[in-house]
Amino acid sequence: MRLFLTTDEACALMTLMIASYGWNATPVMELKVPDASPDAGGEGQIIYRVELEKRRRSHAMRYETRSLADWGGRAPRDG
């Protein structure tokens, strides 16, 4: 089992996160490995808890947590 991304895969993932969530490059590059937990709904979906540090914000609002769903091949389609 491969545990690391190639440089091209990491760049593609970073680009996808920036485009999908509107994050800047620096917080994405500094992300730690997220915590993963199964969805409480029992559909086999995995939820990743991602912690972001937004350095330009005031100290009180600098840290933020997002929950990202991994749908795998069953991702809902728009429209």
N, C-alpha and C. Protein backbone atom coordinates (compact mmCIF):
# COMPACT_ATOMS: atom_id res chain seq x y z
N MET A 1 0.84 -1.18 0.00
CA MET A 1 0.00 0.00 0.00
C MET A 1 0.89 1.25 0.00
N ARG A 2 0.62 2.16 -0.91
CA ARG A 2 1.39 3.39 -1.04
C ARG A 2 0.86 4.43 -0.05
N LEU A 3 1.74 5.06 0.70
CA LEU A 3 1.33 6.01 1.73
C LEU A 3 1.58 7.47 1.38
N PHE A 4 2.34 7.73 0.32
CA PHE A 4 2.71 9.09 0.00
C PHE A 4 2.19 9.47 -1.39
N LEU A 5 1.96 10.76 -1.60
CA LEU A 5 1.57 11.27 -2.90
C LEU A 5 2.81 11.64 -3.69
N THR A 6 2.73 11.49 -5.00
CA THR A 6 3.81 12.00 -5.85
C THR A 6 3.69 13.53 -5.85
N THR A 7 4.69 14.20 -6.36
CA THR A 7 4.66 15.66 -6.44
C THR A 7 3.49 16.13 -7.31
N ASP A 8 3.25 15.44 -8.42
CA ASP A 8 2.14 15.81 -9.30
C ASP A 8 0.79 15.60 -8.61
N GLU A 9 0.65 14.51 -7.87
CA GLU A 9 -0.60 14.24 -7.15
C GLU A 9 -0.84 15.27 -6.06
N ALA A 10 0.21 15.64 -5.33
CA ALA A 10 0.09 16.64 -4.27
C ALA A 10 -0.29 18.00 -4.85
N CYS A 11 0.30 18.35 -5.98
CA CYS A 11 -0.02 19.62 -6.64
C CYS A 11 -1.47 19.62 -7.12
N ALA A 12 -1.93 18.52 -7.68
CA ALA A 12 -3.31 18.42 -8.14
C ALA A 12 -4.29 18.51 -6.97
N LEU A 13 -3.98 17.85 -5.86
CA LEU A 13 -4.84 17.91 -4.68
C LEU A 13 -4.89 19.32 -4.12
N MET A 14 -3.76 19.98 -4.05
CA MET A 14 -3.70 21.35 -3.56
C MET A 14 -4.54 22.28 -4.44
N THR A 15 -4.40 22.13 -5.75
CA THR A 15 -5.17 22.95 -6.69
C THR A 15 -6.66 22.71 -6.52
N LEU A 16 -7.05 21.45 -6.34
CA LEU A 16 -8.46 21.11 -6.14
C LEU A 16 -9.01 21.73 -4.86
N MET A 17 -8.24 21.67 -3.79
CA MET A 17 -8.70 22.25 -2.52
C MET A 17 -8.82 23.77 -2.62
N ILE A 18 -7.87 24.40 -3.29
CA ILE A 18 -7.93 25.85 -3.46
C ILE A 18 -9.15 26.24 -4.28
N ALA A 19 -9.40 25.52 -5.37
CA ALA A 19 -10.53 25.83 -6.24
C ALA A 19 -11.87 25.49 -5.59
N SER A 20 -11.94 24.38 -4.89
CA SER A 20 -13.20 23.93 -4.30
C SER A 20 -13.62 24.72 -3.07
N TYR A 21 -12.66 25.04 -2.21
CA TYR A 21 -12.99 25.64 -0.93
C TYR A 21 -12.62 27.11 -0.83
N GLY A 22 -11.93 27.65 -1.83
CA GLY A 22 -11.56 29.06 -1.82
C GLY A 22 -10.45 29.39 -0.84
N TRP A 23 -9.67 28.40 -0.46
CA TRP A 23 -8.56 28.62 0.46
C TRP A 23 -7.37 29.18 -0.29
N ASN A 24 -6.49 29.88 0.41
CA ASN A 24 -5.24 30.35 -0.16
C ASN A 24 -4.20 29.25 -0.12
N ALA A 25 -3.15 29.39 -0.90
CA ALA A 25 -2.13 28.34 -1.02
C ALA A 25 -1.38 28.10 0.29
N THR A 26 -1.05 29.15 1.03
CA THR A 26 -0.25 28.96 2.24
C THR A 26 -0.94 28.09 3.28
N PRO A 27 -2.21 28.35 3.65
CA PRO A 27 -2.86 27.46 4.62
C PRO A 27 -2.95 26.01 4.11
N VAL A 28 -3.15 25.83 2.82
CA VAL A 28 -3.24 24.47 2.28
C VAL A 28 -1.88 23.78 2.38
N MET A 29 -0.81 24.49 2.06
CA MET A 29 0.53 23.88 2.14
C MET A 29 0.90 23.54 3.58
N GLU A 30 0.34 24.26 4.55
CA GLU A 30 0.68 24.03 5.94
C GLU A 30 -0.29 23.10 6.67
N LEU A 31 -1.25 22.51 5.96
CA LEU A 31 -2.20 21.61 6.59
C LEU A 31 -1.50 20.41 7.21
N LYS A 32 -2.00 20.00 8.36
CA LYS A 32 -1.54 18.78 8.99
C LYS A 32 -2.41 17.64 8.49
N VAL A 33 -1.99 16.41 8.68
CA VAL A 33 -2.80 15.26 8.29
C VAL A 33 -4.09 15.31 9.10
N PRO A 34 -5.25 15.29 8.43
CA PRO A 34 -6.51 15.46 9.15
C PRO A 34 -6.90 14.19 9.92
N ASP A 35 -7.73 14.40 10.95
CA ASP A 35 -8.34 13.28 11.66
C ASP A 35 -9.48 12.75 10.81
N ALA A 36 -9.62 11.44 10.75
CA ALA A 36 -10.70 10.82 9.97
C ALA A 36 -11.61 10.04 10.91
N SER A 37 -12.91 10.11 10.63
CA SER A 37 -13.87 9.33 11.40
C SER A 37 -15.02 8.93 10.48
N PRO A 38 -15.67 7.79 10.77
CA PRO A 38 -16.80 7.39 9.94
C PRO A 38 -17.99 8.31 10.17
N ASP A 39 -18.80 8.47 9.15
CA ASP A 39 -20.00 9.29 9.23
C ASP A 39 -21.00 8.60 10.15
N ALA A 40 -21.68 9.37 10.97
CA ALA A 40 -22.67 8.81 11.90
C ALA A 40 -23.88 8.25 11.17
N GLY A 41 -24.05 8.61 9.89
CA GLY A 41 -25.20 8.14 9.12
C GLY A 41 -25.11 6.69 8.70
N GLY A 42 -23.94 6.07 8.82
CA GLY A 42 -23.80 4.67 8.51
C GLY A 42 -23.71 4.34 7.03
N GLU A 43 -23.43 5.32 6.19
CA GLU A 43 -23.35 5.07 4.75
C GLU A 43 -21.94 4.70 4.31
N GLY A 44 -21.02 4.52 5.24
CA GLY A 44 -19.66 4.17 4.89
C GLY A 44 -18.82 5.35 4.45
N GLN A 45 -19.36 6.53 4.58
CA GLN A 45 -18.65 7.75 4.19
C GLN A 45 -17.65 8.13 5.28
N ILE A 46 -16.52 8.69 4.90
CA ILE A 46 -15.51 9.12 5.86
C ILE A 46 -15.51 10.65 5.92
N ILE A 47 -15.45 11.18 7.13
CA ILE A 47 -15.39 12.62 7.35
C ILE A 47 -14.00 12.96 7.86
N TYR A 48 -13.34 13.91 7.20
CA TYR A 48 -12.02 14.38 7.63
C TYR A 48 -12.18 15.72 8.32
N ARG A 49 -11.61 15.86 9.51
CA ARG A 49 -11.63 17.12 10.24
C ARG A 49 -10.31 17.83 9.95
N VAL A 50 -10.39 18.95 9.26
CA VAL A 50 -9.21 19.70 8.82
C VAL A 50 -9.11 20.98 9.66
N GLU A 51 -7.92 21.22 10.20
CA GLU A 51 -7.67 22.42 10.98
C GLU A 51 -6.85 23.40 10.14
N LEU A 52 -7.38 24.61 9.96
CA LEU A 52 -6.72 25.65 9.17
C LEU A 52 -6.21 26.76 10.08
N GLU A 53 -5.07 27.33 9.72
CA GLU A 53 -4.57 28.52 10.38
C GLU A 53 -4.54 29.63 9.34
N LYS A 54 -5.34 30.66 9.56
CA LYS A 54 -5.40 31.81 8.65
C LYS A 54 -4.63 32.95 9.31
N ARG A 55 -3.37 33.11 8.90
CA ARG A 55 -2.46 34.03 9.58
C ARG A 55 -2.85 35.50 9.50
N ARG A 56 -3.57 35.91 8.49
CA ARG A 56 -3.91 37.33 8.35
C ARG A 56 -5.09 37.75 9.20
N ARG A 57 -5.76 36.80 9.80
CA ARG A 57 -6.90 37.13 10.66
C ARG A 57 -6.42 37.54 12.04
N SER A 58 -7.32 38.18 12.79
CA SER A 58 -6.99 38.53 14.17
C SER A 58 -6.78 37.25 14.97
N HIS A 59 -6.10 37.39 16.10
CA HIS A 59 -5.75 36.21 16.90
C HIS A 59 -6.99 35.40 17.28
N ALA A 60 -8.08 36.06 17.60
CA ALA A 60 -9.30 35.37 18.04
C ALA A 60 -9.93 34.53 16.92
N MET A 61 -9.70 34.91 15.66
CA MET A 61 -10.33 34.20 14.54
C MET A 61 -9.31 33.50 13.64
N ARG A 62 -8.09 33.32 14.12
CA ARG A 62 -7.02 32.78 13.30
C ARG A 62 -7.20 31.30 12.96
N TYR A 63 -7.77 30.53 13.87
CA TYR A 63 -7.89 29.08 13.65
C TYR A 63 -9.32 28.70 13.32
N GLU A 64 -9.46 27.75 12.41
CA GLU A 64 -10.77 27.34 11.95
C GLU A 64 -10.71 25.83 11.66
N THR A 65 -11.82 25.16 11.89
CA THR A 65 -11.91 23.72 11.62
C THR A 65 -13.00 23.49 10.59
N ARG A 66 -12.73 22.64 9.62
CA ARG A 66 -13.71 22.27 8.59
C ARG A 66 -13.86 20.76 8.58
N SER A 67 -15.05 20.30 8.27
CA SER A 67 -15.29 18.87 8.09
C SER A 67 -15.49 18.62 6.60
N LEU A 68 -14.65 17.76 6.03
CA LEU A 68 -14.72 17.45 4.60
C LEU A 68 -15.15 16.00 4.43
N ALA A 69 -16.13 15.77 3.58
CA ALA A 69 -16.66 14.44 3.35
C ALA A 69 -15.95 13.76 2.19
N ASP A 70 -15.59 12.51 2.39
CA ASP A 70 -15.00 11.69 1.32
C ASP A 70 -16.08 10.78 0.79
N TRP A 71 -16.61 11.13 -0.37
CA TRP A 71 -17.68 10.35 -0.99
C TRP A 71 -17.13 9.21 -1.83
N GLY A 72 -15.85 9.24 -2.13
CA GLY A 72 -15.28 8.20 -2.99
C GLY A 72 -15.92 8.27 -4.37
N GLY A 73 -16.26 7.13 -4.94
CA GLY A 73 -16.89 7.08 -6.25
C GLY A 73 -18.36 7.39 -6.25
N ARG A 74 -18.95 7.65 -5.07
CA ARG A 74 -20.39 7.92 -4.98
C ARG A 74 -20.69 9.40 -4.79
N ALA A 75 -19.80 10.26 -5.23
CA ALA A 75 -19.97 11.70 -5.04
C ALA A 75 -21.25 12.20 -5.69
N PRO A 76 -22.01 13.04 -4.97
CA PRO A 76 -23.22 13.60 -5.58
C PRO A 76 -22.85 14.53 -6.73
N ARG A 77 -23.68 14.57 -7.71
CA ARG A 77 -23.41 15.42 -8.89
C ARG A 77 -24.27 16.67 -8.83
N ASP A 78 -23.68 17.75 -9.29
CA ASP A 78 -24.43 19.00 -9.34
C ASP A 78 -25.37 18.99 -10.54
N GLY A 79 -26.53 19.61 -10.33
CA GLY A 79 -27.47 19.81 -11.42
C GLY A 79 -28.04 18.58 -11.91
